[in-house]
Amino acid sequence: MSTAYQPMDFSESKALARTSAESSGLTLLKEKKHVTLGWHMTGNGHAGLSHIFEATLGKYRDSLKGVPVAIGPIKPKGSVAYIIDDHSCMHLDVTATFVVFVPKIGATYQAEVTKVDPTTVTAKMYDIITARRTRS
């Protein structure tokens, strides 16, 4: 059974990042990325792009130096996808906007404890980032 995460609302998380970046650890970042979409996504590219980027929510990404918690606009560079040689897919260059949790060493962040067992305490931040601490 997989856990489907609901992304944070982009507008609310963007406002939180702008008003309390120091205490929340949230920041607004843009990332340029080259993506490929299969031919079955012809005519439905936005859904494919959303699926690709939503799969990264709640997971640390080196390219962003943090954990994306919300996705904003995904804008293609140019108006059409292109084909490279005999690749069986469409290629797109896009710019995606994210609200990213970028933790700072020594900073304190608020989390909700979701589970306590004899060896571990589990907490959740922004309903998407899970933190575990082994009890000694």
Protein backbone atom coordinates (compact mmCIF):
# COMPACT_ATOMS: atom_id res chain seq x y z
CA MET A 1 0.00 0.00 0.00
CA SER A 2 1.54 3.31 -1.04
CA THR A 3 0.98 6.60 0.73
CA ALA A 4 -0.22 9.34 -1.59
CA TYR A 5 0.90 12.74 -0.40
CA GLN A 6 -1.24 15.78 -0.98
CA PRO A 7 0.99 18.69 -1.91
CA MET A 8 0.69 21.86 0.11
CA ASP A 9 -1.37 24.58 -1.51
CA PHE A 10 1.11 26.58 -3.59
CA SER A 11 -0.39 30.00 -2.80
CA GLU A 12 -0.41 29.40 0.96
CA SER A 13 3.08 27.89 1.05
CA LYS A 14 4.43 30.71 -1.14
CA ALA A 15 2.99 33.28 1.28
CA LEU A 16 4.49 31.39 4.24
CA ALA A 17 7.89 31.28 2.50
CA ARG A 18 7.79 35.04 1.90
CA THR A 19 6.59 36.08 5.36
CA SER A 20 8.45 33.68 7.65
CA ALA A 21 11.32 32.16 5.68
CA GLU A 22 13.66 32.11 8.70
CA SER A 23 11.33 30.22 11.04
CA SER A 24 9.67 27.99 8.43
CA GLY A 25 12.74 27.02 6.39
CA LEU A 26 10.66 27.49 3.22
CA THR A 27 11.94 29.26 0.14
CA LEU A 28 10.70 29.81 -3.41
CA LEU A 29 12.94 28.28 -6.11
CA LYS A 30 12.79 27.80 -9.87
CA GLU A 31 14.39 24.85 -11.63
CA LYS A 32 15.07 24.40 -15.32
CA LYS A 33 14.74 20.79 -16.36
CA HIS A 34 14.77 18.69 -19.51
CA VAL A 35 11.98 16.10 -19.44
CA THR A 36 10.79 13.39 -21.79
CA LEU A 37 7.19 12.35 -22.26
CA GLY A 38 5.97 9.20 -23.98
CA TRP A 39 3.79 9.46 -27.04
CA HIS A 40 0.77 8.39 -24.99
CA MET A 41 0.96 11.87 -23.38
CA THR A 42 0.37 13.64 -26.71
CA GLY A 43 -2.30 16.25 -26.10
CA ASN A 44 -2.08 15.79 -22.33
CA GLY A 45 1.45 17.00 -21.63
CA HIS A 46 0.55 19.13 -18.60
CA ALA A 47 -0.78 16.07 -16.77
CA GLY A 48 2.45 14.22 -17.56
CA LEU A 49 4.60 17.11 -16.34
CA SER A 50 2.55 17.42 -13.15
CA HIS A 51 2.95 13.69 -12.51
CA ILE A 52 6.74 13.87 -12.98
CA PHE A 53 7.19 16.79 -10.59
CA GLU A 54 4.63 15.62 -7.99
CA ALA A 55 6.60 12.37 -7.67
CA THR A 56 9.44 14.39 -6.12
CA LEU A 57 7.36 16.01 -3.37
CA GLY A 58 8.55 15.16 0.12
CA LYS A 59 11.89 13.78 -1.12
CA TYR A 60 15.23 15.53 -0.77
CA ARG A 61 16.58 16.77 -4.11
CA ASP A 62 20.25 17.69 -4.52
CA SER A 63 19.42 20.05 -7.40
CA LEU A 64 17.22 22.12 -5.06
CA LYS A 65 19.30 21.55 -1.90
CA GLY A 66 16.08 20.78 -0.05
CA VAL A 67 12.70 19.05 -0.01
CA PRO A 68 9.98 20.36 -2.36
CA VAL A 69 6.65 20.72 -0.54
CA ALA A 70 4.55 22.49 -3.20
CA ILE A 71 4.62 22.91 -6.96
CA GLY A 72 3.72 26.12 -8.72
CA PRO A 73 3.60 26.91 -12.41
CA ILE A 74 5.37 24.58 -14.85
CA LYS A 75 6.22 26.57 -17.97
CA PRO A 76 7.61 25.04 -21.15
CA LYS A 77 10.41 26.81 -22.97
CA GLY A 78 8.98 27.32 -26.42
CA SER A 79 5.59 26.24 -27.62
CA VAL A 80 6.19 22.69 -28.84
CA ALA A 81 7.95 19.51 -27.82
CA TYR A 82 10.73 18.25 -30.05
CA ILE A 83 12.00 14.90 -31.25
CA ILE A 84 15.64 13.79 -31.10
CA ASP A 85 16.74 11.25 -33.73
CA ASP A 86 14.94 7.97 -33.20
CA HIS A 87 13.95 8.47 -29.54
CA SER A 88 10.50 7.10 -28.82
CA CYS A 89 9.43 10.13 -26.81
CA MET A 90 8.88 13.87 -26.90
CA HIS A 91 11.45 16.19 -25.35
CA LEU A 92 10.60 19.38 -23.46
CA ASP A 93 12.63 21.99 -21.64
CA VAL A 94 10.59 23.43 -18.77
CA THR A 95 10.95 25.77 -15.82
CA ALA A 96 9.12 24.65 -12.68
CA THR A 97 8.52 26.77 -9.58
CA PHE A 98 8.66 25.06 -6.19
CA VAL A 99 8.29 25.96 -2.54
CA VAL A 100 11.20 24.08 -0.96
CA PHE A 101 12.03 23.28 2.65
CA VAL A 102 15.75 24.08 2.95
CA PRO A 103 16.89 23.07 6.44
CA LYS A 104 19.64 25.05 8.13
CA ILE A 105 22.07 23.49 10.61
CA GLY A 106 21.25 24.62 14.13
CA ALA A 107 17.76 25.87 13.26
CA THR A 108 14.66 24.62 15.08
CA TYR A 109 11.51 23.74 13.15
CA GLN A 110 8.05 22.76 14.34
CA ALA A 111 6.79 19.24 13.58
CA GLU A 112 3.78 17.17 14.64
CA VAL A 113 4.56 13.85 16.36
CA THR A 114 2.68 11.11 14.52
CA LYS A 115 4.00 7.92 16.12
CA VAL A 116 5.88 6.85 19.23
CA ASP A 117 7.10 3.30 19.72
CA PRO A 118 9.76 1.79 22.00
CA THR A 119 12.64 2.55 19.60
CA THR A 120 11.54 5.45 17.38
CA VAL A 121 9.70 8.76 17.41
CA THR A 122 8.20 9.84 14.07
CA ALA A 123 7.09 13.38 13.25
CA LYS A 124 5.73 15.13 10.18
CA MET A 125 6.37 18.65 8.88
CA TYR A 126 4.07 20.41 6.41
CA ASP A 127 2.08 17.15 6.09
CA ILE A 128 4.69 15.78 3.69
CA ILE A 129 8.17 15.56 5.28
CA THR A 130 8.65 12.66 7.67
CA ALA A 131 11.38 12.81 10.30
CA ARG A 132 12.38 9.86 12.49
CA ARG A 133 14.48 9.89 15.62
CA THR A 134 15.76 6.70 17.20
CA ARG A 135 15.23 6.72 20.93
CA SER A 136 18.18 5.78 23.11
